[in-house]
Amino acid sequence: MINKLIDAKCHNLLGMISTTFSQGQAKTISAINAGLVMTYCKIGQHILSLNKKGK
């Protein structure tokens, strides 16, 4: 009986840890993607600015 209770608690704990880890990964990926988009946008602005000066 106690072993089943411990197993259930461990299973629940592992589920919570897994969910928390997955959520953290998703937030990190989202933040990195946003940073890359901003970087590429700035690079594009530099290129457009250089093209305008060259005309």
C-alpha atoms as a PDB file:
ATOM      1  CA  MET A   1       0.000   0.000   0.000  1.00  0.00           C
ATOM      2  CA  ILE A   2       2.728   2.486   0.973  1.00  0.00           C
ATOM      3  CA  ASN A   3       4.778   1.550  -2.088  1.00  0.00           C
ATOM      4  CA  LYS A   4       1.811   2.331  -4.352  1.00  0.00           C
ATOM      5  CA  LEU A   5       1.359   5.689  -2.638  1.00  0.00           C
ATOM      6  CA  ILE A   6       5.052   6.509  -3.020  1.00  0.00           C
ATOM      7  CA  ASP A   7       4.961   5.398  -6.661  1.00  0.00           C
ATOM      8  CA  ALA A   8       1.927   7.611  -7.302  1.00  0.00           C
ATOM      9  CA  LYS A   9       3.591  10.604  -5.627  1.00  0.00           C
ATOM     10  CA  CYS A  10       6.811  10.048  -7.596  1.00  0.00           C
ATOM     11  CA  HIS A  11       4.854   9.711 -10.820  1.00  0.00           C
ATOM     12  CA  ASN A  12       2.997  12.950 -10.035  1.00  0.00           C
ATOM     13  CA  LEU A  13       6.254  14.734  -9.165  1.00  0.00           C
ATOM     14  CA  LEU A  14       7.914  13.574 -12.381  1.00  0.00           C
ATOM     15  CA  GLY A  15       4.902  14.779 -14.344  1.00  0.00           C
ATOM     16  CA  MET A  16       5.094  18.224 -12.747  1.00  0.00           C
ATOM     17  CA  ILE A  17       8.844  18.428 -13.356  1.00  0.00           C
ATOM     18  CA  SER A  18       8.403  17.391 -16.979  1.00  0.00           C
ATOM     19  CA  THR A  19       5.659  19.958 -17.550  1.00  0.00           C
ATOM     20  CA  THR A  20       7.691  22.732 -15.906  1.00  0.00           C
ATOM     21  CA  PHE A  21      10.755  21.846 -17.968  1.00  0.00           C
ATOM     22  CA  SER A  22       8.753  21.772 -21.211  1.00  0.00           C
ATOM     23  CA  GLN A  23       7.200  25.151 -20.454  1.00  0.00           C
ATOM     24  CA  GLY A  24      10.619  26.613 -19.726  1.00  0.00           C
ATOM     25  CA  GLN A  25      11.970  25.260 -22.997  1.00  0.00           C
ATOM     26  CA  ALA A  26       9.047  26.737 -24.938  1.00  0.00           C
ATOM     27  CA  LYS A  27       9.547  30.167 -23.342  1.00  0.00           C
ATOM     28  CA  THR A  28      13.277  30.046 -24.049  1.00  0.00           C
ATOM     29  CA  ILE A  29      12.750  29.085 -27.682  1.00  0.00           C
ATOM     30  CA  SER A  30      10.211  31.864 -28.084  1.00  0.00           C
ATOM     31  CA  ALA A  31      12.596  34.434 -26.593  1.00  0.00           C
ATOM     32  CA  ILE A  32      15.460  33.280 -28.807  1.00  0.00           C
ATOM     33  CA  ASN A  33      13.258  33.397 -31.902  1.00  0.00           C
ATOM     34  CA  ALA A  34      12.118  36.926 -31.056  1.00  0.00           C
ATOM     35  CA  GLY A  35      15.732  37.995 -30.619  1.00  0.00           C
ATOM     36  CA  LEU A  36      16.709  36.486 -33.967  1.00  0.00           C
ATOM     37  CA  VAL A  37      13.818  38.192 -35.742  1.00  0.00           C
ATOM     38  CA  MET A  38      14.911  41.544 -34.312  1.00  0.00           C
ATOM     39  CA  THR A  39      18.509  40.869 -35.359  1.00  0.00           C
ATOM     40  CA  TYR A  40      17.516  39.977 -38.922  1.00  0.00           C
ATOM     41  CA  CYS A  41      15.275  43.038 -39.076  1.00  0.00           C
ATOM     42  CA  LYS A  42      18.158  45.299 -38.040  1.00  0.00           C
ATOM     43  CA  ILE A  43      20.434  43.641 -40.614  1.00  0.00           C
ATOM     44  CA  GLY A  44      17.784  44.305 -43.255  1.00  0.00           C
ATOM     45  CA  GLN A  45      17.589  47.943 -42.174  1.00  0.00           C
ATOM     46  CA  HIS A  46      21.368  48.273 -42.526  1.00  0.00           C
ATOM     47  CA  ILE A  47      21.219  46.794 -46.023  1.00  0.00           C
ATOM     48  CA  LEU A  48      18.337  49.058 -47.074  1.00  0.00           C
ATOM     49  CA  SER A  49      20.107  52.093 -45.639  1.00  0.00           C
ATOM     50  CA  LEU A  50      23.262  51.272 -47.581  1.00  0.00           C
ATOM     51  CA  ASN A  51      21.260  50.756 -50.788  1.00  0.00           C
ATOM     52  CA  LYS A  52      19.542  54.146 -50.376  1.00  0.00           C
ATOM     53  CA  LYS A  53      22.893  55.883 -49.911  1.00  0.00           C
ATOM     54  CA  GLY A  54      24.263  54.200 -53.022  1.00  0.00           C
ATOM     55  CA  LYS A  55      21.515  55.532 -55.316  1.00  0.00           C
END
